Amino acid sequence: MDALLNSEALIALLTLTSLELVLGIDNVIFIAILCGRLPEQKRDRARTIGLMLTVVSRAILILAVSWVTSLKQNLIHIGAFSISGKDFLLILAGLFLVFKATREIHHKLELTARGSTTPPPLTTLTVVLGQILLLDVVLSFDSVITAVGMTEGLPHPFPVMITAIILSVAGMLVFSKAIVLFIERNPTIKILALSFLMLIGVLLVAEGFGHHIPKGYIYFAMSFSFFVEMLQLWALKPAKHQSVESEY
C-alpha cells in the first residue's frame, strides 16, 4: 500500500487507469458481440467472467514481463523483412477480429435482406470464454508494455500496474452491461461496433507487419462515427413518434 501513497505513484496510477479504460473499449465491444450469441440467462455471467479473465491475463503478463519483452526478438528474418513473436500474435489476433466481424456483419445483413427475425445461432459459454481469453491475451501485450514504460522509474511499479488494471476493469464492468443492451437494441450501432472491431483487426495486422498507425487516429474515427450515428438516431425519433400517432 505504501507504494501508492506518494504523488508520483498516484499520478502514474490515474494516468495508467485512464489509458487502460480507453484501450479496453475493443475488449468491451468484442465481449458484447460474443455475449449476444449466448442464451439470455448466461450473458451477464459470460460478460463478468470475460472481464475477470482480462484482469488475470494482464496480471500474469505483468508478472512475466521479461517473457513479454523477449517476444520482441525476431522469429523470421528475410532481408529487410522480419517478424517477431509479438508481431506474429498481433497478425493472428487481427485476422481473427476481421474474420469474426465480417462473419457477424454478413449474418446480420443476410437476416435483414430476408426480412427474418430468426435469432442468431446460439453457442456455448465455454466457446465464448475461450475466444475472449484468446483475444485478451494478445491485446494485453501492448497494454502491459505501455504500463511498464509508464511506471519505469517508480520504486515499486508492480502494485501500481496491478491496481490500474483492476480499477480499469472495474470501470468496464460497471458500463459493460449498458453497452451490451444498447448495442442489442440498436441494430445500426451493432453494425458500427462490428466495423470498429474490423478496423482494430486491420490495425493489428498492420502493426504485425511493421506499419505503425497511431491509435489516436483510430479512436478519433470511431468517436466521430459514433457521434454521427447518435445524431442520426436522435433525428429519427420524432419520425417514429409521428408514425405511431398517425396510426391512431
C-alpha atoms as a PDB file:
ATOM      1  CA  MET A   1       0.000   0.000   0.000  1.00  0.00           C
ATOM      2  CA  ASP A   2       2.908   2.345   0.720  1.00  0.00           C
ATOM      3  CA  ALA A   3       3.891   2.028  -2.953  1.00  0.00           C
ATOM      4  CA  LEU A   4       0.764   4.027  -3.899  1.00  0.00           C
ATOM      5  CA  LEU A   5       0.984   6.681  -1.169  1.00  0.00           C
ATOM      6  CA  ASN A   6       3.126   9.240  -2.980  1.00  0.00           C
ATOM      7  CA  SER A   7       2.329  11.824  -5.636  1.00  0.00           C
ATOM      8  CA  GLU A   8       4.423  10.235  -8.398  1.00  0.00           C
ATOM      9  CA  ALA A   9       2.778   6.828  -7.962  1.00  0.00           C
ATOM     10  CA  LEU A  10      -0.735   8.341  -7.767  1.00  0.00           C
ATOM     11  CA  ILE A  11      -0.230  10.322 -10.979  1.00  0.00           C
ATOM     12  CA  ALA A  12       1.059   7.194 -12.732  1.00  0.00           C
ATOM     13  CA  LEU A  13      -1.892   5.193 -11.353  1.00  0.00           C
ATOM     14  CA  LEU A  14      -4.530   7.690 -12.559  1.00  0.00           C
ATOM     15  CA  THR A  15      -2.898   8.082 -15.969  1.00  0.00           C
ATOM     16  CA  LEU A  16      -2.472   4.365 -16.474  1.00  0.00           C
ATOM     17  CA  THR A  17      -6.038   3.601 -15.325  1.00  0.00           C
ATOM     18  CA  SER A  18      -7.450   6.133 -17.815  1.00  0.00           C
ATOM     19  CA  LEU A  19      -5.307   4.682 -20.600  1.00  0.00           C
ATOM     20  CA  GLU A  20      -6.356   1.129 -19.757  1.00  0.00           C
ATOM     21  CA  LEU A  21     -10.013   2.178 -19.921  1.00  0.00           C
ATOM     22  CA  VAL A  22      -9.534   3.654 -23.395  1.00  0.00           C
ATOM     23  CA  LEU A  23      -7.589   0.638 -24.622  1.00  0.00           C
ATOM     24  CA  GLY A  24     -10.264  -1.635 -23.160  1.00  0.00           C
ATOM     25  CA  ILE A  25     -13.015  -0.318 -25.455  1.00  0.00           C
ATOM     26  CA  ASP A  26     -12.303  -3.019 -28.037  1.00  0.00           C
ATOM     27  CA  ASN A  27     -12.481  -5.695 -25.309  1.00  0.00           C
ATOM     28  CA  VAL A  28     -15.902  -4.479 -24.156  1.00  0.00           C
ATOM     29  CA  ILE A  29     -17.263  -4.319 -27.733  1.00  0.00           C
ATOM     30  CA  PHE A  30     -15.911  -7.789 -28.530  1.00  0.00           C
ATOM     31  CA  ILE A  31     -17.414  -9.248 -25.349  1.00  0.00           C
ATOM     32  CA  ALA A  32     -20.745  -7.537 -26.109  1.00  0.00           C
ATOM     33  CA  ILE A  33     -20.872  -9.073 -29.598  1.00  0.00           C
ATOM     34  CA  LEU A  34     -19.954 -12.561 -28.362  1.00  0.00           C
ATOM     35  CA  CYS A  35     -22.425 -12.467 -25.464  1.00  0.00           C
ATOM     36  CA  GLY A  36     -25.209 -11.801 -27.961  1.00  0.00           C
ATOM     37  CA  ARG A  37     -24.740 -15.382 -29.223  1.00  0.00           C
ATOM     38  CA  LEU A  38     -25.431 -16.869 -25.775  1.00  0.00           C
ATOM     39  CA  PRO A  39     -28.810 -17.665 -24.207  1.00  0.00           C
ATOM     40  CA  GLU A  40     -30.044 -14.563 -22.390  1.00  0.00           C
ATOM     41  CA  GLN A  41     -29.686 -16.062 -18.906  1.00  0.00           C
ATOM     42  CA  LYS A  42     -25.962 -16.693 -19.470  1.00  0.00           C
ATOM     43  CA  ARG A  43     -24.963 -13.311 -20.923  1.00  0.00           C
ATOM     44  CA  ASP A  44     -24.314 -11.464 -17.645  1.00  0.00           C
ATOM     45  CA  ARG A  45     -22.241 -14.353 -16.347  1.00  0.00           C
ATOM     46  CA  ALA A  46     -20.176 -14.511 -19.551  1.00  0.00           C
ATOM     47  CA  ARG A  47     -19.608 -10.751 -19.511  1.00  0.00           C
ATOM     48  CA  THR A  48     -18.419 -10.789 -15.889  1.00  0.00           C
ATOM     49  CA  ILE A  49     -16.154 -13.816 -16.319  1.00  0.00           C
ATOM     50  CA  GLY A  50     -14.776 -12.386 -19.578  1.00  0.00           C
ATOM     51  CA  LEU A  51     -13.716  -9.156 -17.873  1.00  0.00           C
ATOM     52  CA  MET A  52     -12.265 -11.100 -14.953  1.00  0.00           C
ATOM     53  CA  LEU A  53     -10.170 -13.045 -17.475  1.00  0.00           C
ATOM     54  CA  THR A  54      -8.862  -9.669 -18.675  1.00  0.00           C
ATOM     55  CA  VAL A  55      -7.554  -8.943 -15.163  1.00  0.00           C
ATOM     56  CA  VAL A  56      -5.982 -12.390 -14.820  1.00  0.00           C
ATOM     57  CA  SER A  57      -4.328 -12.379 -18.259  1.00  0.00           C
ATOM     58  CA  ARG A  58      -2.830  -8.897 -17.821  1.00  0.00           C
ATOM     59  CA  ALA A  59      -1.671  -9.607 -14.269  1.00  0.00           C
ATOM     60  CA  ILE A  60       0.086 -12.796 -15.409  1.00  0.00           C
ATOM     61  CA  LEU A  61       1.752 -10.956 -18.303  1.00  0.00           C
ATOM     62  CA  ILE A  62       2.938  -8.192 -15.948  1.00  0.00           C
ATOM     63  CA  LEU A  63       4.489 -10.774 -13.635  1.00  0.00           C
ATOM     64  CA  ALA A  64       6.083 -12.399 -16.703  1.00  0.00           C
ATOM     65  CA  VAL A  65       7.168  -9.077 -18.197  1.00  0.00           C
ATOM     66  CA  SER A  66      10.629 -10.385 -19.084  1.00  0.00           C
ATOM     67  CA  TRP A  67       8.999 -13.066 -21.267  1.00  0.00           C
ATOM     68  CA  VAL A  68       6.741 -10.448 -22.880  1.00  0.00           C
ATOM     69  CA  THR A  69       9.794  -8.350 -23.685  1.00  0.00           C
ATOM     70  CA  SER A  70      11.527 -11.361 -25.221  1.00  0.00           C
ATOM     71  CA  LEU A  71       8.700 -11.644 -27.767  1.00  0.00           C
ATOM     72  CA  LYS A  72      10.123  -8.571 -29.468  1.00  0.00           C
ATOM     73  CA  GLN A  73      13.019 -10.700 -30.746  1.00  0.00           C
ATOM     74  CA  ASN A  74      12.766 -11.692 -34.411  1.00  0.00           C
ATOM     75  CA  LEU A  75      11.461 -15.148 -35.291  1.00  0.00           C
ATOM     76  CA  ILE A  76      11.607 -14.724 -39.077  1.00  0.00           C
ATOM     77  CA  HIS A  77      14.204 -12.594 -40.802  1.00  0.00           C
ATOM     78  CA  ILE A  78      14.440 -12.446 -44.604  1.00  0.00           C
ATOM     79  CA  GLY A  79      16.406  -9.489 -45.901  1.00  0.00           C
ATOM     80  CA  ALA A  80      14.698  -6.331 -44.681  1.00  0.00           C
ATOM     81  CA  PHE A  81      11.589  -8.286 -43.673  1.00  0.00           C
ATOM     82  CA  SER A  82      11.349  -9.601 -40.117  1.00  0.00           C
ATOM     83  CA  ILE A  83       8.585 -10.770 -37.783  1.00  0.00           C
ATOM     84  CA  SER A  84       8.904 -11.152 -34.026  1.00  0.00           C
ATOM     85  CA  GLY A  85       6.832 -13.324 -31.735  1.00  0.00           C
ATOM     86  CA  LYS A  86       4.736 -10.313 -30.769  1.00  0.00           C
ATOM     87  CA  ASP A  87       4.190  -9.414 -34.446  1.00  0.00           C
ATOM     88  CA  PHE A  88       3.047 -12.951 -35.203  1.00  0.00           C
ATOM     89  CA  LEU A  89       0.498 -12.877 -32.369  1.00  0.00           C
ATOM     90  CA  LEU A  90      -0.773  -9.446 -33.458  1.00  0.00           C
ATOM     91  CA  ILE A  91      -1.292 -10.702 -37.027  1.00  0.00           C
ATOM     92  CA  LEU A  92      -3.215 -13.754 -35.796  1.00  0.00           C
ATOM     93  CA  ALA A  93      -5.389 -11.640 -33.483  1.00  0.00           C
ATOM     94  CA  GLY A  94      -6.040  -9.096 -36.238  1.00  0.00           C
ATOM     95  CA  LEU A  95      -7.076 -11.756 -38.738  1.00  0.00           C
ATOM     96  CA  PHE A  96      -9.320 -13.347 -36.113  1.00  0.00           C
ATOM     97  CA  LEU A  97     -11.049  -9.999 -35.437  1.00  0.00           C
ATOM     98  CA  VAL A  98     -11.518  -9.287 -39.160  1.00  0.00           C
ATOM     99  CA  PHE A  99     -12.936 -12.789 -39.698  1.00  0.00           C
ATOM    100  CA  LYS A 100     -15.254 -12.594 -36.692  1.00  0.00           C
ATOM    101  CA  ALA A 101     -16.546  -9.097 -37.520  1.00  0.00           C
ATOM    102  CA  THR A 102     -17.050  -9.949 -41.215  1.00  0.00           C
ATOM    103  CA  ARG A 103     -18.943 -13.115 -40.328  1.00  0.00           C
ATOM    104  CA  GLU A 104     -21.230 -11.285 -37.895  1.00  0.00           C
ATOM    105  CA  ILE A 105     -21.922  -8.440 -40.364  1.00  0.00           C
ATOM    106  CA  HIS A 106     -22.676 -10.953 -43.136  1.00  0.00           C
ATOM    107  CA  HIS A 107     -25.075 -12.841 -40.876  1.00  0.00           C
ATOM    108  CA  LYS A 108     -26.800  -9.625 -39.780  1.00  0.00           C
ATOM    109  CA  LEU A 109     -27.227  -8.297 -43.321  1.00  0.00           C
ATOM    110  CA  GLU A 110     -28.407 -11.678 -44.593  1.00  0.00           C
ATOM    111  CA  LEU A 111     -31.166 -11.796 -41.985  1.00  0.00           C
ATOM    112  CA  THR A 112     -32.159  -8.216 -42.811  1.00  0.00           C
ATOM    113  CA  ALA A 113     -32.305  -8.957 -46.551  1.00  0.00           C
ATOM    114  CA  ARG A 114     -34.565 -11.942 -45.932  1.00  0.00           C
ATOM    115  CA  GLY A 115     -36.730  -9.977 -43.529  1.00  0.00           C
ATOM    116  CA  SER A 116     -36.126 -12.722 -40.993  1.00  0.00           C
ATOM    117  CA  THR A 117     -36.415 -12.266 -37.237  1.00  0.00           C
ATOM    118  CA  THR A 118     -34.683 -15.573 -36.517  1.00  0.00           C
ATOM    119  CA  PRO A 119     -32.183 -15.103 -33.671  1.00  0.00           C
ATOM    120  CA  PRO A 120     -28.517 -15.880 -34.337  1.00  0.00           C
ATOM    121  CA  PRO A 121     -27.464 -19.471 -33.703  1.00  0.00           C
ATOM    122  CA  LEU A 122     -26.577 -19.988 -30.055  1.00  0.00           C
ATOM    123  CA  THR A 123     -23.162 -21.056 -28.866  1.00  0.00           C
ATOM    124  CA  THR A 124     -21.801 -22.318 -25.546  1.00  0.00           C
ATOM    125  CA  LEU A 125     -20.329 -20.408 -22.631  1.00  0.00           C
ATOM    126  CA  THR A 126     -17.047 -22.318 -22.954  1.00  0.00           C
ATOM    127  CA  VAL A 127     -16.608 -21.336 -26.611  1.00  0.00           C
ATOM    128  CA  VAL A 128     -17.317 -17.672 -25.862  1.00  0.00           C
ATOM    129  CA  LEU A 129     -14.915 -17.553 -22.897  1.00  0.00           C
ATOM    130  CA  GLY A 130     -12.226 -19.289 -24.952  1.00  0.00           C
ATOM    131  CA  GLN A 131     -12.472 -16.637 -27.668  1.00  0.00           C
ATOM    132  CA  ILE A 132     -12.468 -13.838 -25.088  1.00  0.00           C
ATOM    133  CA  LEU A 133      -9.378 -15.268 -23.374  1.00  0.00           C
ATOM    134  CA  LEU A 134      -7.566 -15.674 -26.694  1.00  0.00           C
ATOM    135  CA  LEU A 135      -8.125 -12.058 -27.643  1.00  0.00           C
ATOM    136  CA  ASP A 136      -7.474 -10.794 -24.094  1.00  0.00           C
ATOM    137  CA  VAL A 137      -4.021 -12.358 -24.038  1.00  0.00           C
ATOM    138  CA  VAL A 138      -2.995 -10.894 -27.388  1.00  0.00           C
ATOM    139  CA  LEU A 139      -4.429  -7.418 -26.794  1.00  0.00           C
ATOM    140  CA  SER A 140      -2.803  -7.348 -23.358  1.00  0.00           C
ATOM    141  CA  PHE A 141       0.724  -7.326 -24.809  1.00  0.00           C
ATOM    142  CA  ASP A 142       0.537  -3.684 -25.867  1.00  0.00           C
ATOM    143  CA  SER A 143      -1.221  -2.785 -22.620  1.00  0.00           C
ATOM    144  CA  VAL A 144       1.474  -4.426 -20.487  1.00  0.00           C
ATOM    145  CA  ILE A 145       4.356  -2.906 -22.462  1.00  0.00           C
ATOM    146  CA  THR A 146       2.721   0.533 -22.138  1.00  0.00           C
ATOM    147  CA  ALA A 147       2.223   0.011 -18.393  1.00  0.00           C
ATOM    148  CA  VAL A 148       5.869  -0.975 -17.928  1.00  0.00           C
ATOM    149  CA  GLY A 149       7.009   2.135 -19.800  1.00  0.00           C
ATOM    150  CA  MET A 150       4.753   4.465 -17.797  1.00  0.00           C
ATOM    151  CA  THR A 151       5.821   3.096 -14.411  1.00  0.00           C
ATOM    152  CA  GLU A 152       9.516   2.972 -15.236  1.00  0.00           C
ATOM    153  CA  GLY A 153      11.466   4.734 -12.521  1.00  0.00           C
ATOM    154  CA  LEU A 154       8.980   4.027  -9.732  1.00  0.00           C
ATOM    155  CA  PRO A 155      10.451   2.125  -6.764  1.00  0.00           C
ATOM    156  CA  HIS A 156       7.522  -0.336  -6.730  1.00  0.00           C
ATOM    157  CA  PRO A 157       5.918  -0.444 -10.211  1.00  0.00           C
ATOM    158  CA  PHE A 158       4.042  -3.767  -9.929  1.00  0.00           C
ATOM    159  CA  PRO A 159       1.437  -2.659  -7.313  1.00  0.00           C
ATOM    160  CA  VAL A 160       0.708   0.430  -9.425  1.00  0.00           C
ATOM    161  CA  MET A 161       0.223  -1.621 -12.625  1.00  0.00           C
ATOM    162  CA  ILE A 162      -1.937  -4.281 -10.962  1.00  0.00           C
ATOM    163  CA  THR A 163      -4.102  -1.652  -9.225  1.00  0.00           C
ATOM    164  CA  ALA A 164      -4.582   0.267 -12.504  1.00  0.00           C
ATOM    165  CA  ILE A 165      -5.696  -2.920 -14.272  1.00  0.00           C
ATOM    166  CA  ILE A 166      -8.169  -3.807 -11.500  1.00  0.00           C
ATOM    167  CA  LEU A 167      -9.635  -0.266 -11.451  1.00  0.00           C
ATOM    168  CA  SER A 168      -9.943  -0.096 -15.248  1.00  0.00           C
ATOM    169  CA  VAL A 169     -11.662  -3.490 -15.494  1.00  0.00           C
ATOM    170  CA  ALA A 170     -13.990  -2.486 -12.640  1.00  0.00           C
ATOM    171  CA  GLY A 171     -14.938   0.561 -14.712  1.00  0.00           C
ATOM    172  CA  MET A 172     -15.532  -1.633 -17.763  1.00  0.00           C
ATOM    173  CA  LEU A 173     -17.700  -3.950 -15.656  1.00  0.00           C
ATOM    174  CA  VAL A 174     -19.875  -1.047 -14.485  1.00  0.00           C
ATOM    175  CA  PHE A 175     -20.604   0.198 -18.012  1.00  0.00           C
ATOM    176  CA  SER A 176     -20.386  -3.053 -19.982  1.00  0.00           C
ATOM    177  CA  LYS A 177     -23.986  -4.187 -19.363  1.00  0.00           C
ATOM    178  CA  ALA A 178     -25.359  -0.844 -20.536  1.00  0.00           C
ATOM    179  CA  ILE A 179     -23.146  -1.079 -23.640  1.00  0.00           C
ATOM    180  CA  VAL A 180     -24.338  -4.643 -24.352  1.00  0.00           C
ATOM    181  CA  LEU A 181     -28.016  -3.654 -24.041  1.00  0.00           C
ATOM    182  CA  PHE A 182     -27.534  -0.520 -26.143  1.00  0.00           C
ATOM    183  CA  ILE A 183     -25.839  -2.478 -28.942  1.00  0.00           C
ATOM    184  CA  GLU A 184     -28.515  -5.191 -28.915  1.00  0.00           C
ATOM    185  CA  ARG A 185     -31.381  -2.679 -29.023  1.00  0.00           C
ATOM    186  CA  ASN A 186     -29.937  -0.660 -31.909  1.00  0.00           C
ATOM    187  CA  PRO A 187     -29.051  -2.746 -34.989  1.00  0.00           C
ATOM    188  CA  THR A 188     -27.200   0.137 -36.665  1.00  0.00           C
ATOM    189  CA  ILE A 189     -24.995   0.549 -33.597  1.00  0.00           C
ATOM    190  CA  LYS A 190     -24.234  -3.177 -33.715  1.00  0.00           C
ATOM    191  CA  ILE A 191     -23.057  -2.860 -37.336  1.00  0.00           C
ATOM    192  CA  LEU A 192     -20.985   0.167 -36.333  1.00  0.00           C
ATOM    193  CA  ALA A 193     -19.458  -1.773 -33.411  1.00  0.00           C
ATOM    194  CA  LEU A 194     -18.589  -4.657 -35.730  1.00  0.00           C
ATOM    195  CA  SER A 195     -16.996  -2.189 -38.137  1.00  0.00           C
ATOM    196  CA  PHE A 196     -14.901  -0.887 -35.233  1.00  0.00           C
ATOM    197  CA  LEU A 197     -13.721  -4.422 -34.499  1.00  0.00           C
ATOM    198  CA  MET A 198     -12.814  -4.907 -38.153  1.00  0.00           C
ATOM    199  CA  LEU A 199     -10.885  -1.616 -38.109  1.00  0.00           C
ATOM    200  CA  ILE A 200      -9.000  -2.677 -34.979  1.00  0.00           C
ATOM    201  CA  GLY A 201      -8.242  -6.029 -36.628  1.00  0.00           C
ATOM    202  CA  VAL A 202      -6.747  -4.286 -39.662  1.00  0.00           C
ATOM    203  CA  LEU A 203      -4.721  -2.092 -37.282  1.00  0.00           C
ATOM    204  CA  LEU A 204      -3.313  -5.163 -35.508  1.00  0.00           C
ATOM    205  CA  VAL A 205      -2.356  -6.827 -38.802  1.00  0.00           C
ATOM    206  CA  ALA A 206      -0.662  -3.622 -39.998  1.00  0.00           C
ATOM    207  CA  GLU A 207       1.291  -3.357 -36.730  1.00  0.00           C
ATOM    208  CA  GLY A 208       2.271  -7.004 -37.039  1.00  0.00           C
ATOM    209  CA  PHE A 209       3.845  -6.242 -40.410  1.00  0.00           C
ATOM    210  CA  GLY A 210       5.688  -3.232 -39.011  1.00  0.00           C
ATOM    211  CA  HIS A 211       3.363  -0.424 -40.150  1.00  0.00           C
ATOM    212  CA  HIS A 212       2.659   1.624 -37.051  1.00  0.00           C
ATOM    213  CA  ILE A 213      -0.639   3.524 -37.139  1.00  0.00           C
ATOM    214  CA  PRO A 214      -1.220   5.900 -34.198  1.00  0.00           C
ATOM    215  CA  LYS A 215      -4.202   4.627 -32.227  1.00  0.00           C
ATOM    216  CA  GLY A 216      -5.378   8.190 -31.690  1.00  0.00           C
ATOM    217  CA  TYR A 217      -6.463   8.380 -35.335  1.00  0.00           C
ATOM    218  CA  ILE A 218      -8.420   5.154 -34.988  1.00  0.00           C
ATOM    219  CA  TYR A 219     -10.180   6.188 -31.785  1.00  0.00           C
ATOM    220  CA  PHE A 220     -10.983   9.623 -33.240  1.00  0.00           C
ATOM    221  CA  ALA A 221     -12.566   7.995 -36.313  1.00  0.00           C
ATOM    222  CA  MET A 222     -14.546   5.644 -34.074  1.00  0.00           C
ATOM    223  CA  SER A 223     -15.721   8.501 -31.823  1.00  0.00           C
ATOM    224  CA  PHE A 224     -16.722  10.672 -34.791  1.00  0.00           C
ATOM    225  CA  SER A 225     -18.655   7.822 -36.434  1.00  0.00           C
ATOM    226  CA  PHE A 226     -20.424   7.070 -33.145  1.00  0.00           C
ATOM    227  CA  PHE A 227     -21.312  10.760 -32.717  1.00  0.00           C
ATOM    228  CA  VAL A 228     -22.806  10.927 -36.224  1.00  0.00           C
ATOM    229  CA  GLU A 229     -24.792   7.735 -35.622  1.00  0.00           C
ATOM    230  CA  MET A 230     -26.169   9.111 -32.342  1.00  0.00           C
ATOM    231  CA  LEU A 231     -27.297  12.262 -34.172  1.00  0.00           C
ATOM    232  CA  GLN A 232     -28.987  10.036 -36.748  1.00  0.00           C
ATOM    233  CA  LEU A 233     -30.819   8.053 -34.053  1.00  0.00           C
ATOM    234  CA  TRP A 234     -31.884  11.268 -32.324  1.00  0.00           C
ATOM    235  CA  ALA A 235     -33.164  12.736 -35.616  1.00  0.00           C
ATOM    236  CA  LEU A 236     -35.235   9.616 -36.372  1.00  0.00           C
ATOM    237  CA  LYS A 237     -37.035   9.592 -33.012  1.00  0.00           C
ATOM    238  CA  PRO A 238     -39.604  12.296 -33.886  1.00  0.00           C
ATOM    239  CA  ALA A 239     -40.402  10.467 -37.147  1.00  0.00           C
ATOM    240  CA  LYS A 240     -41.067   7.261 -35.215  1.00  0.00           C
ATOM    241  CA  HIS A 241     -43.363   9.034 -32.767  1.00  0.00           C
ATOM    242  CA  GLN A 242     -45.289  10.690 -35.604  1.00  0.00           C
ATOM    243  CA  SER A 243     -45.782   7.366 -37.406  1.00  0.00           C
ATOM    244  CA  VAL A 244     -47.176   5.825 -34.202  1.00  0.00           C
ATOM    245  CA  GLU A 245     -49.556   8.774 -33.636  1.00  0.00           C
ATOM    246  CA  SER A 246     -50.794   8.630 -37.248  1.00  0.00           C
ATOM    247  CA  GLU A 247     -51.916   5.030 -36.720  1.00  0.00           C
ATOM    248  CA  TYR A 248     -54.330   6.202 -34.056  1.00  0.00           C
END
